[in-house]
Amino acid sequence: MSQTAEVSAPPSAESGHQWTSKQLVIMLVIGLGALLVSLTQSLLVPVLGELAVDLHTGADGVAWILTATLLVSAVAVPAYGRLGDLFGTRRMLLIALSALVVGSVVCGLADNVTWMIVGRAIVGLSSAAVPLGISLVGVALPPERARSGIALVSAMLGVGGALGLPLAGLIAEYADYHWLFWICVIGGVLILPAVRLLVPEPTRDAKGRFDIPGTLLLGAAILSLLLPLSQGKAWGWTSGRTIGLLITSVVLIVVFVLAELRIKSPLVDVRTTARPALLLTNVASLCVGFALFATLIGTASYVEAPEATGYGFGASVLVGGLCMLPGGLGMLIFSPVSAKLKPRTALIVGALIIAAGFLSRIWLTGAIWQIVVGASIAGIGTGIAYAAMPGLIIHATPRSELAAANGLNTLFRSVGSSLASAIGGSILAGITINLGGFEFASLTAYRILFGVCAGAAVLGALLALLIPKHAETADAAMHDE
């Protein structure tokens, strides 16, 4: 891409009290790209059984189809963020969306589990599109518009995850599951030229070289953490492999921090990341990410369980997915609320709403509409909280490190989701009832999971309370160099 393709961010004088058509197009294109990538988080969950049969694989093979995406995305997100700061945020967004198309084509043509895992690993590279999109909106729109745009794009992390289940349930009910991949291909092919032609490349402020040793260290640390979290149930939580990798991850993180402090152009500016506003926001993000993933694993499977469990409704895969739809729409509708509030306040409010939603799930179990209401409340809170985080990140981070900081924040959310999968899966598998030779999680197990999620959300709100109040003035710093 030539230097002449780069343009400066639109000046704030261009915006008045109304959105211009150019601003709306930028927000819409980036938002749709983020939604498309976020769909991949949950798109395969309802069809895992069909995948296992069609690809002639067992539970381990199916698990690796999901794990491959998780691991690659965890490494790609911070790396793409830094590359975006150095070489162009839009350029890296185009590369991320291209990975979605290529990976989805591989999956759509795959006839064995090996190629399916390869395709899903390539798809994992596209996960960086969401934080890259957030960074683009933050600098490509004037301050008075950027907060609304950021709220929309950030909420797509949750919206896509929630909408993926009903979409996959619909495809599973009436069509071949390969259509799930071709939908991603078609969407990506349409979004790529739109981003290239309609979204400007902001001027770059970052200088220096890409930190390859730091990337390798962080990647190894993340893999050492997420691999046992995703495979701990199969390996055994007390096995030498699980404990050894967790210890290795801690050691590598310490080495990574020490190494980053010594170089001039680090992958992650540790001193900036350690600022209270940034550090507390990232840890609160982990708590919210925990709650979001627990909504996914604790709603569809819950209503699909047999009525004999004492809580389930024997719903179909399609109905189970549709139960997630109101929560996804709630995230989309209520995320703009975050732009009306100061970022710190919005994060606190969103986290408390999440807690209220999960607490209602503990007691309201008698009708399917009660389950939907509880999940939707948690979804609304997630949309508000997710949309608040980039405002806090932008205020605490120099513009030259913005994409990397947003990538790191997304990584914290992903770690939260991985913890929810590991802890939630263990709780649901550890307290079960036997029905006709089949094991199902008990109502007590679900109630414990929902209580843990409510506690995680409250912890997120408490952490947000500790964020310095000056961090609420994010708009003033939205375009600071």
Protein backbone atom coordinates (compact mmCIF):
# COMPACT_ATOMS: atom_id res chain seq x y z
CA MET A 1 0.00 0.00 0.00
CA SER A 2 1.49 3.30 -0.99
CA GLN A 3 1.92 6.22 1.32
CA THR A 4 -0.44 8.26 -0.85
CA ALA A 5 -3.31 6.01 0.25
CA GLU A 6 -3.03 7.36 3.75
CA VAL A 7 -5.17 10.27 4.84
CA SER A 8 -5.42 12.13 8.06
CA ALA A 9 -8.34 11.58 10.40
CA PRO A 10 -11.34 13.79 9.58
CA PRO A 11 -11.15 17.06 11.51
CA SER A 12 -13.74 17.62 14.18
CA ALA A 13 -14.89 20.75 12.40
CA GLU A 14 -16.40 18.49 9.77
CA SER A 15 -19.00 17.16 12.18
CA GLY A 16 -21.68 19.53 13.47
CA HIS A 17 -24.53 18.46 15.57
CA GLN A 18 -25.52 15.81 13.01
CA TRP A 19 -23.70 12.76 11.76
CA THR A 20 -22.27 13.23 8.29
CA SER A 21 -22.76 10.51 5.70
CA LYS A 22 -19.01 9.85 5.70
CA GLN A 23 -18.95 9.29 9.46
CA LEU A 24 -21.94 6.94 9.31
CA VAL A 25 -20.37 4.92 6.50
CA ILE A 26 -17.08 4.54 8.43
CA MET A 27 -18.91 3.37 11.54
CA LEU A 28 -21.21 1.02 9.62
CA VAL A 29 -18.45 -0.64 7.60
CA ILE A 30 -16.17 -1.19 10.59
CA GLY A 31 -19.11 -2.33 12.74
CA LEU A 32 -20.20 -4.92 10.18
CA GLY A 33 -16.65 -6.23 9.91
CA ALA A 34 -16.46 -6.58 13.69
CA LEU A 35 -19.84 -8.35 13.77
CA LEU A 36 -18.78 -10.80 11.08
CA VAL A 37 -15.59 -11.71 12.93
CA SER A 38 -17.38 -11.97 16.29
CA LEU A 39 -19.89 -14.42 14.82
CA THR A 40 -17.09 -16.99 14.56
CA GLN A 41 -16.88 -17.20 18.38
CA SER A 42 -20.04 -19.28 18.74
CA LEU A 43 -20.96 -20.26 15.19
CA LEU A 44 -19.91 -23.90 15.50
CA VAL A 45 -21.22 -24.65 19.00
CA PRO A 46 -24.66 -26.00 17.91
CA VAL A 47 -23.18 -28.21 15.16
CA LEU A 48 -20.26 -29.81 17.01
CA GLY A 49 -22.03 -33.18 17.10
CA GLU A 50 -22.63 -33.08 13.35
CA LEU A 51 -19.01 -32.06 12.77
CA ALA A 52 -17.77 -35.05 14.76
CA VAL A 53 -19.83 -37.48 12.68
CA ASP A 54 -19.07 -35.89 9.31
CA LEU A 55 -15.34 -35.57 9.96
CA HIS A 56 -15.05 -38.99 11.60
CA THR A 57 -13.47 -37.65 14.77
CA GLY A 58 -14.05 -37.91 18.49
CA ALA A 59 -14.38 -35.44 21.35
CA ASP A 60 -10.66 -34.57 21.22
CA GLY A 61 -10.80 -33.64 17.54
CA VAL A 62 -13.88 -31.50 18.05
CA ALA A 63 -12.26 -29.76 21.02
CA TRP A 64 -9.22 -28.88 18.90
CA ILE A 65 -11.46 -27.30 16.25
CA LEU A 66 -12.47 -24.74 18.88
CA THR A 67 -9.13 -24.59 20.69
CA ALA A 68 -7.15 -23.83 17.51
CA THR A 69 -9.12 -20.62 16.96
CA LEU A 70 -8.78 -19.58 20.59
CA LEU A 71 -5.01 -20.09 20.74
CA VAL A 72 -4.19 -18.38 17.44
CA SER A 73 -6.46 -15.44 18.22
CA ALA A 74 -4.86 -14.95 21.64
CA VAL A 75 -1.44 -14.53 20.02
CA ALA A 76 -2.65 -12.58 16.97
CA VAL A 77 -4.64 -9.89 18.80
CA PRO A 78 -1.76 -8.14 20.63
CA ALA A 79 0.64 -8.69 17.71
CA TYR A 80 -1.75 -7.21 15.13
CA GLY A 81 -2.40 -4.28 17.43
CA ARG A 82 1.26 -3.32 17.56
CA LEU A 83 1.66 -3.92 13.82
CA GLY A 84 -1.30 -1.61 13.28
CA ASP A 85 0.37 1.15 15.28
CA LEU A 86 3.59 0.75 13.29
CA PHE A 87 2.37 0.04 9.76
CA GLY A 88 -1.26 1.17 9.56
CA THR A 89 -4.38 0.16 11.44
CA ARG A 90 -6.54 -0.12 8.33
CA ARG A 91 -3.87 -2.20 6.60
CA MET A 92 -3.85 -4.71 9.45
CA LEU A 93 -7.67 -4.70 9.55
CA LEU A 94 -7.70 -5.70 5.89
CA ILE A 95 -5.22 -8.50 6.60
CA ALA A 96 -7.35 -9.73 9.52
CA LEU A 97 -10.53 -9.77 7.42
CA SER A 98 -8.65 -11.56 4.64
CA ALA A 99 -7.69 -14.27 7.13
CA LEU A 100 -11.40 -14.72 7.92
CA VAL A 101 -12.17 -15.29 4.24
CA VAL A 102 -9.24 -17.66 3.64
CA GLY A 103 -9.85 -19.65 6.82
CA SER A 104 -13.57 -19.95 6.11
CA VAL A 105 -12.88 -21.21 2.57
CA VAL A 106 -10.55 -23.88 4.00
CA CYS A 107 -13.24 -24.91 6.50
CA GLY A 108 -15.95 -24.91 3.84
CA LEU A 109 -13.91 -27.29 1.68
CA ALA A 110 -12.52 -29.42 4.55
CA ASP A 111 -13.37 -33.11 4.44
CA ASN A 112 -11.31 -34.20 7.45
CA VAL A 113 -10.61 -32.89 10.92
CA THR A 114 -7.03 -31.85 10.14
CA TRP A 115 -8.05 -29.35 7.46
CA MET A 116 -10.93 -28.13 9.62
CA ILE A 117 -8.48 -27.36 12.44
CA VAL A 118 -6.14 -25.60 9.97
CA GLY A 119 -9.01 -23.49 8.67
CA ARG A 120 -10.20 -22.55 12.13
CA ALA A 121 -6.63 -21.63 13.12
CA ILE A 122 -6.46 -19.22 10.15
CA VAL A 123 -9.85 -17.79 11.20
CA GLY A 124 -8.27 -17.11 14.60
CA LEU A 125 -6.04 -14.50 12.93
CA SER A 126 -9.16 -12.45 12.14
CA SER A 127 -10.02 -11.89 15.82
CA ALA A 128 -7.79 -8.82 15.82
CA ALA A 129 -10.31 -7.07 13.55
CA VAL A 130 -12.42 -5.96 16.53
CA PRO A 131 -9.72 -4.06 18.51
CA LEU A 132 -8.28 -2.73 15.24
CA GLY A 133 -11.74 -1.47 14.31
CA ILE A 134 -12.15 0.18 17.70
CA SER A 135 -8.82 1.96 17.25
CA LEU A 136 -9.75 3.10 13.74
CA VAL A 137 -13.06 4.55 14.89
CA GLY A 138 -11.32 6.28 17.80
CA VAL A 139 -9.03 8.28 15.52
CA ALA A 140 -11.01 8.43 12.25
CA LEU A 141 -14.05 10.12 13.78
CA PRO A 142 -14.13 13.45 15.63
CA PRO A 143 -14.32 13.18 19.45
CA GLU A 144 -18.04 13.91 19.71
CA ARG A 145 -18.77 11.03 17.32
CA ALA A 146 -16.02 8.61 18.27
CA ARG A 147 -17.60 7.52 21.57
CA SER A 148 -20.81 6.38 19.87
CA GLY A 149 -18.88 4.61 17.13
CA ILE A 150 -16.58 2.89 19.62
CA ALA A 151 -19.58 1.79 21.69
CA LEU A 152 -21.13 0.13 18.64
CA VAL A 153 -17.97 -1.63 17.45
CA SER A 154 -16.99 -2.75 20.95
CA ALA A 155 -20.45 -4.18 21.62
CA MET A 156 -20.08 -6.34 18.51
CA LEU A 157 -17.79 -8.65 20.53
CA GLY A 158 -20.84 -9.70 22.51
CA VAL A 159 -23.48 -9.26 19.81
CA GLY A 160 -21.72 -11.57 17.36
CA GLY A 161 -21.23 -14.25 20.00
CA ALA A 162 -24.93 -14.15 20.92
CA LEU A 163 -26.25 -14.01 17.34
CA GLY A 164 -24.00 -16.86 16.21
CA LEU A 165 -25.97 -19.44 18.19
CA PRO A 166 -29.43 -18.82 16.66
CA LEU A 167 -27.90 -18.49 13.18
CA ALA A 168 -26.07 -21.79 13.57
CA GLY A 169 -29.19 -23.40 15.05
CA LEU A 170 -31.22 -22.27 12.03
CA ILE A 171 -28.62 -23.60 9.58
CA ALA A 172 -28.35 -26.87 11.51
CA GLU A 173 -32.11 -27.30 11.42
CA TYR A 174 -32.69 -26.64 7.73
CA ALA A 175 -29.40 -26.76 5.79
CA ASP A 176 -25.88 -28.18 5.63
CA TYR A 177 -23.50 -26.83 8.29
CA HIS A 178 -20.97 -25.89 5.57
CA TRP A 179 -23.17 -22.88 4.87
CA LEU A 180 -21.91 -21.40 8.15
CA PHE A 181 -18.47 -21.03 6.57
CA TRP A 182 -19.72 -19.80 3.20
CA ILE A 183 -21.76 -17.09 4.95
CA CYS A 184 -18.48 -15.84 6.47
CA VAL A 185 -16.79 -16.00 3.06
CA ILE A 186 -19.54 -13.99 1.37
CA GLY A 187 -19.62 -11.43 4.18
CA GLY A 188 -15.85 -11.03 4.13
CA VAL A 189 -15.72 -10.62 0.35
CA LEU A 190 -18.27 -7.80 0.63
CA ILE A 191 -16.66 -6.06 3.63
CA LEU A 192 -13.04 -6.09 2.37
CA PRO A 193 -13.47 -3.67 -0.56
CA ALA A 194 -15.76 -1.48 1.55
CA VAL A 195 -13.02 -1.07 4.17
CA ARG A 196 -10.39 -0.46 1.48
CA LEU A 197 -12.42 2.19 -0.36
CA LEU A 198 -14.48 3.87 2.36
CA VAL A 199 -12.40 3.82 5.55
CA PRO A 200 -9.43 6.23 5.72
CA GLU A 201 -6.01 5.20 6.98
CA PRO A 202 -5.12 7.60 9.83
CA THR A 203 -1.63 9.04 9.96
CA ARG A 204 0.76 6.89 11.96
CA ASP A 205 2.47 8.25 15.06
CA ALA A 206 4.30 5.13 16.28
CA LYS A 207 7.98 4.71 15.55
CA GLY A 208 10.39 1.85 16.05
CA ARG A 209 10.62 -1.80 15.09
CA PHE A 210 8.25 -4.66 15.65
CA ASP A 211 9.26 -6.57 18.78
CA ILE A 212 9.65 -10.15 17.49
CA PRO A 213 11.27 -11.59 20.68
CA GLY A 214 8.55 -9.99 22.81
CA THR A 215 5.86 -11.39 20.53
CA LEU A 216 7.30 -14.89 20.81
CA LEU A 217 7.55 -14.60 24.59
CA LEU A 218 4.00 -13.30 24.99
CA GLY A 219 2.68 -15.88 22.54
CA ALA A 220 4.35 -18.71 24.47
CA ALA A 221 3.02 -17.35 27.77
CA ILE A 222 -0.53 -17.07 26.43
CA LEU A 223 -0.43 -20.54 24.88
CA SER A 224 0.89 -21.98 28.14
CA LEU A 225 -2.04 -20.39 29.98
CA LEU A 226 -4.93 -21.00 27.57
CA LEU A 227 -4.00 -24.52 26.46
CA PRO A 228 -4.44 -26.11 29.92
CA LEU A 229 -7.57 -24.00 30.52
CA SER A 230 -9.14 -25.40 27.34
CA GLN A 231 -7.83 -28.96 27.71
CA GLY A 232 -7.76 -29.30 31.51
CA LYS A 233 -10.93 -31.36 31.64
CA ALA A 234 -9.50 -33.94 29.23
CA TRP A 235 -6.00 -33.93 30.73
CA GLY A 236 -7.07 -33.69 34.37
CA TRP A 237 -6.75 -30.49 36.38
CA THR A 238 -4.13 -32.01 38.67
CA SER A 239 -2.11 -33.69 35.91
CA GLY A 240 1.55 -32.82 35.51
CA ARG A 241 0.93 -31.44 32.03
CA THR A 242 -1.78 -29.04 33.21
CA ILE A 243 0.07 -27.77 36.27
CA GLY A 244 3.40 -27.61 34.43
CA LEU A 245 1.98 -25.42 31.67
CA LEU A 246 0.27 -23.09 34.13
CA ILE A 247 3.54 -22.63 36.03
CA THR A 248 5.36 -22.11 32.73
CA SER A 249 2.89 -19.37 31.78
CA VAL A 250 3.60 -17.48 35.01
CA VAL A 251 7.36 -17.73 34.49
CA LEU A 252 7.10 -16.59 30.86
CA ILE A 253 4.91 -13.62 31.79
CA VAL A 254 7.51 -12.48 34.33
CA VAL A 255 10.30 -12.88 31.76
CA PHE A 256 8.19 -11.01 29.18
CA VAL A 257 7.62 -8.05 31.53
CA LEU A 258 11.31 -7.82 32.42
CA ALA A 259 12.30 -8.02 28.75
CA GLU A 260 9.78 -5.36 27.66
CA LEU A 261 11.12 -2.94 30.27
CA ARG A 262 14.57 -3.11 28.68
CA ILE A 263 13.82 -2.36 25.01
CA LYS A 264 12.99 0.90 23.23
CA SER A 265 10.17 -0.37 21.00
CA PRO A 266 8.28 -2.98 23.06
CA LEU A 267 5.27 -5.00 21.95
CA VAL A 268 3.52 -3.84 25.13
CA ASP A 269 4.57 -0.68 26.94
CA VAL A 270 4.58 -2.18 30.42
CA ARG A 271 4.88 1.19 32.16
CA THR A 272 1.82 2.51 30.35
CA THR A 273 -0.10 -0.72 30.92
CA ALA A 274 0.65 -0.52 34.65
CA ARG A 275 -1.13 2.82 35.01
CA PRO A 276 -4.09 2.33 37.38
CA ALA A 277 -6.69 3.41 34.81
CA LEU A 278 -5.40 0.98 32.21
CA LEU A 279 -4.57 -1.94 34.51
CA LEU A 280 -7.87 -1.80 36.38
CA THR A 281 -9.83 -1.51 33.12
CA ASN A 282 -8.10 -4.61 31.74
CA VAL A 283 -8.73 -6.69 34.85
CA ALA A 284 -12.37 -5.53 34.90
CA SER A 285 -12.54 -6.61 31.25
CA LEU A 286 -11.46 -10.08 32.28
CA CYS A 287 -14.39 -10.22 34.72
CA VAL A 288 -16.89 -9.08 32.10
CA GLY A 289 -15.47 -11.53 29.55
CA PHE A 290 -16.00 -14.28 32.11
CA ALA A 291 -19.67 -13.34 32.49
CA LEU A 292 -20.32 -13.12 28.74
CA PHE A 293 -19.02 -16.61 27.97
CA ALA A 294 -20.95 -18.06 30.88
CA THR A 295 -24.11 -16.64 29.31
CA LEU A 296 -23.35 -18.61 26.17
CA ILE A 297 -22.69 -21.92 27.94
CA GLY A 298 -25.47 -21.44 30.49
CA THR A 299 -28.45 -20.57 28.31
CA ALA A 300 -28.80 -22.68 25.16
CA SER A 301 -27.72 -25.95 26.82
CA TYR A 302 -29.91 -25.09 29.82
CA VAL A 303 -33.18 -24.84 27.88
CA GLU A 304 -32.24 -27.79 25.65
CA ALA A 305 -31.87 -30.12 28.66
CA PRO A 306 -34.74 -32.63 29.19
CA GLU A 307 -37.60 -31.56 31.45
CA ALA A 308 -36.75 -34.51 33.73
CA THR A 309 -33.66 -32.60 34.90
CA GLY A 310 -35.99 -30.33 36.87
CA TYR A 311 -34.97 -27.19 35.01
CA GLY A 312 -34.70 -27.89 31.27
CA PHE A 313 -37.45 -27.51 28.68
CA GLY A 314 -36.40 -30.10 26.10
CA ALA A 315 -35.99 -27.31 23.52
CA SER A 316 -34.48 -27.88 20.08
CA VAL A 317 -31.08 -26.54 19.05
CA LEU A 318 -32.85 -23.80 17.10
CA VAL A 319 -34.99 -22.72 20.06
CA GLY A 320 -31.93 -22.83 22.32
CA GLY A 321 -30.13 -20.47 19.96
CA LEU A 322 -33.13 -18.19 19.67
CA CYS A 323 -33.13 -17.80 23.45
CA MET A 324 -29.83 -15.97 23.00
CA LEU A 325 -31.21 -13.60 20.37
CA PRO A 326 -32.91 -11.06 22.70
CA GLY A 327 -29.68 -10.72 24.69
CA GLY A 328 -27.68 -10.08 21.52
CA LEU A 329 -30.17 -7.48 20.35
CA GLY A 330 -30.10 -5.94 23.83
CA MET A 331 -26.33 -5.51 23.57
CA LEU A 332 -26.75 -3.75 20.24
CA ILE A 333 -29.62 -1.50 21.35
CA PHE A 334 -28.21 -0.52 24.74
CA SER A 335 -24.51 -0.14 23.87
CA PRO A 336 -25.13 3.52 22.85
CA VAL A 337 -26.17 4.14 26.48
CA SER A 338 -22.49 3.78 27.32
CA ALA A 339 -21.67 6.73 25.05
CA LYS A 340 -24.12 8.89 27.02
CA LEU A 341 -22.37 8.11 30.30
CA LYS A 342 -18.81 8.74 31.35
CA PRO A 343 -16.72 5.61 30.62
CA ARG A 344 -15.94 4.72 34.23
CA THR A 345 -19.58 5.16 35.23
CA ALA A 346 -20.79 3.09 32.27
CA LEU A 347 -18.45 0.24 33.20
CA ILE A 348 -19.78 0.19 36.77
CA VAL A 349 -23.42 0.34 35.64
CA GLY A 350 -22.91 -2.36 33.01
CA ALA A 351 -21.18 -4.73 35.44
CA LEU A 352 -23.93 -4.32 38.04
CA ILE A 353 -26.62 -5.02 35.44
CA ILE A 354 -24.73 -8.20 34.49
CA ALA A 355 -24.74 -9.25 38.15
CA ALA A 356 -28.51 -8.60 38.38
CA GLY A 357 -29.13 -10.75 35.32
CA PHE A 358 -27.20 -13.71 36.71
CA LEU A 359 -28.76 -13.40 40.15
CA SER A 360 -32.20 -13.60 38.54
CA ARG A 361 -31.13 -16.84 36.86
CA ILE A 362 -30.56 -18.43 40.27
CA TRP A 363 -34.20 -18.06 41.37
CA LEU A 364 -36.27 -17.63 38.19
CA THR A 365 -36.34 -21.10 36.65
CA GLY A 366 -40.03 -21.93 36.16
CA ALA A 367 -40.63 -20.75 32.59
CA ILE A 368 -38.54 -20.34 29.46
CA TRP A 369 -39.37 -16.63 29.27
CA GLN A 370 -37.74 -16.16 32.69
CA ILE A 371 -34.53 -17.72 31.37
CA VAL A 372 -34.62 -15.43 28.34
CA VAL A 373 -35.23 -12.35 30.51
CA GLY A 374 -32.32 -13.19 32.82
CA ALA A 375 -29.95 -13.85 29.91
CA SER A 376 -31.11 -10.66 28.19
CA ILE A 377 -30.47 -8.54 31.28
CA ALA A 378 -26.94 -9.96 31.47
CA GLY A 379 -26.54 -9.26 27.75
CA ILE A 380 -27.63 -5.64 28.10
CA GLY A 381 -25.13 -5.12 30.91
CA THR A 382 -22.40 -6.73 28.83
CA GLY A 383 -23.11 -4.39 25.91
CA ILE A 384 -22.87 -1.32 28.15
CA ALA A 385 -19.72 -2.53 29.91
CA TYR A 386 -17.93 -3.62 26.72
CA ALA A 387 -18.69 -0.29 25.07
CA ALA A 388 -17.24 1.62 28.04
CA MET A 389 -13.82 -0.02 28.05
CA PRO A 390 -12.26 1.54 24.90
CA GLY A 391 -13.03 5.04 26.22
CA LEU A 392 -10.97 4.30 29.30
CA ILE A 393 -8.24 2.68 27.20
CA ILE A 394 -8.04 5.64 24.82
CA HIS A 395 -7.69 8.12 27.66
CA ALA A 396 -4.88 6.21 29.35
CA THR A 397 -2.89 5.38 26.22
CA PRO A 398 -0.75 7.49 23.85
CA ARG A 399 -2.17 7.49 20.33
CA SER A 400 0.99 5.85 19.02
CA GLU A 401 0.16 2.75 21.12
CA LEU A 402 -3.63 2.79 20.76
CA ALA A 403 -4.14 -0.28 18.58
CA ALA A 404 -1.78 -2.35 20.75
CA ALA A 405 -3.60 -1.23 23.93
CA ASN A 406 -7.00 -2.14 22.48
CA GLY A 407 -5.60 -5.50 21.42
CA LEU A 408 -4.33 -6.15 24.93
CA ASN A 409 -7.74 -5.25 26.36
CA THR A 410 -9.39 -7.71 23.98
CA LEU A 411 -6.89 -10.34 25.09
CA PHE A 412 -7.95 -9.84 28.71
CA ARG A 413 -11.57 -10.39 27.68
CA SER A 414 -10.55 -13.59 25.89
CA VAL A 415 -8.71 -14.85 28.96
CA GLY A 416 -11.87 -14.16 30.97
CA SER A 417 -13.89 -16.23 28.51
CA SER A 418 -11.34 -19.05 28.73
CA LEU A 419 -11.54 -19.00 32.52
CA ALA A 420 -15.34 -19.14 32.29
CA SER A 421 -15.11 -22.12 29.97
CA ALA A 422 -12.71 -23.93 32.30
CA ILE A 423 -14.39 -23.07 35.61
CA GLY A 424 -17.94 -23.23 34.28
CA GLY A 425 -17.30 -26.50 32.48
CA SER A 426 -15.84 -28.03 35.63
CA ILE A 427 -18.80 -26.91 37.74
CA LEU A 428 -21.35 -28.27 35.26
CA ALA A 429 -19.45 -31.54 34.85
CA GLY A 430 -18.83 -31.96 38.57
CA ILE A 431 -22.42 -31.83 39.87
CA THR A 432 -24.60 -33.97 37.63
CA ILE A 433 -27.70 -36.12 37.56
CA ASN A 434 -28.14 -39.40 35.65
CA LEU A 435 -31.11 -39.78 33.31
CA GLY A 436 -31.37 -43.01 31.36
CA GLY A 437 -27.62 -43.52 31.39
CA PHE A 438 -26.84 -39.95 30.32
CA GLU A 439 -25.23 -37.37 32.59
CA PHE A 440 -26.69 -33.86 32.74
CA ALA A 441 -25.58 -30.88 34.81
CA SER A 442 -27.87 -30.40 37.79
CA LEU A 443 -29.82 -27.26 38.66
CA THR A 444 -27.49 -26.81 41.62
CA ALA A 445 -24.49 -26.75 39.27
CA TYR A 446 -26.09 -24.05 37.13
CA ARG A 447 -26.99 -22.00 40.20
CA ILE A 448 -23.39 -22.17 41.41
CA LEU A 449 -22.19 -21.08 37.96
CA PHE A 450 -24.60 -18.14 37.89
CA GLY A 451 -23.54 -17.14 41.41
CA VAL A 452 -19.88 -17.21 40.37
CA CYS A 453 -20.72 -15.04 37.33
CA ALA A 454 -22.62 -12.53 39.47
CA GLY A 455 -19.62 -12.38 41.79
CA ALA A 456 -17.24 -11.83 38.85
CA ALA A 457 -19.42 -8.98 37.59
CA VAL A 458 -19.56 -7.34 41.03
CA LEU A 459 -15.77 -7.64 41.24
CA GLY A 460 -15.56 -5.89 37.87
CA ALA A 461 -17.74 -3.06 39.20
CA LEU A 462 -15.58 -2.72 42.31
CA LEU A 463 -12.43 -2.58 40.18
CA ALA A 464 -14.06 0.10 38.04
CA LEU A 465 -14.76 2.13 41.19
CA LEU A 466 -11.02 2.19 41.83
CA ILE A 467 -10.23 3.65 38.40
CA PRO A 468 -9.16 7.28 38.91
CA LYS A 469 -12.05 9.67 38.28
CA HIS A 470 -10.05 11.70 35.78
CA ALA A 471 -10.28 8.64 33.50
CA GLU A 472 -13.92 9.60 32.90
CA THR A 473 -12.79 12.59 30.84
CA ALA A 474 -11.91 10.34 27.94
CA ASP A 475 -13.37 12.57 25.29
CA ALA A 476 -10.84 15.29 25.99
CA ALA A 477 -8.01 12.92 25.20
CA MET A 478 -9.67 11.05 22.36
CA HIS A 479 -7.36 12.57 19.80
CA ASP A 480 -4.38 13.48 21.94
CA GLU A 481 -1.11 12.60 20.37
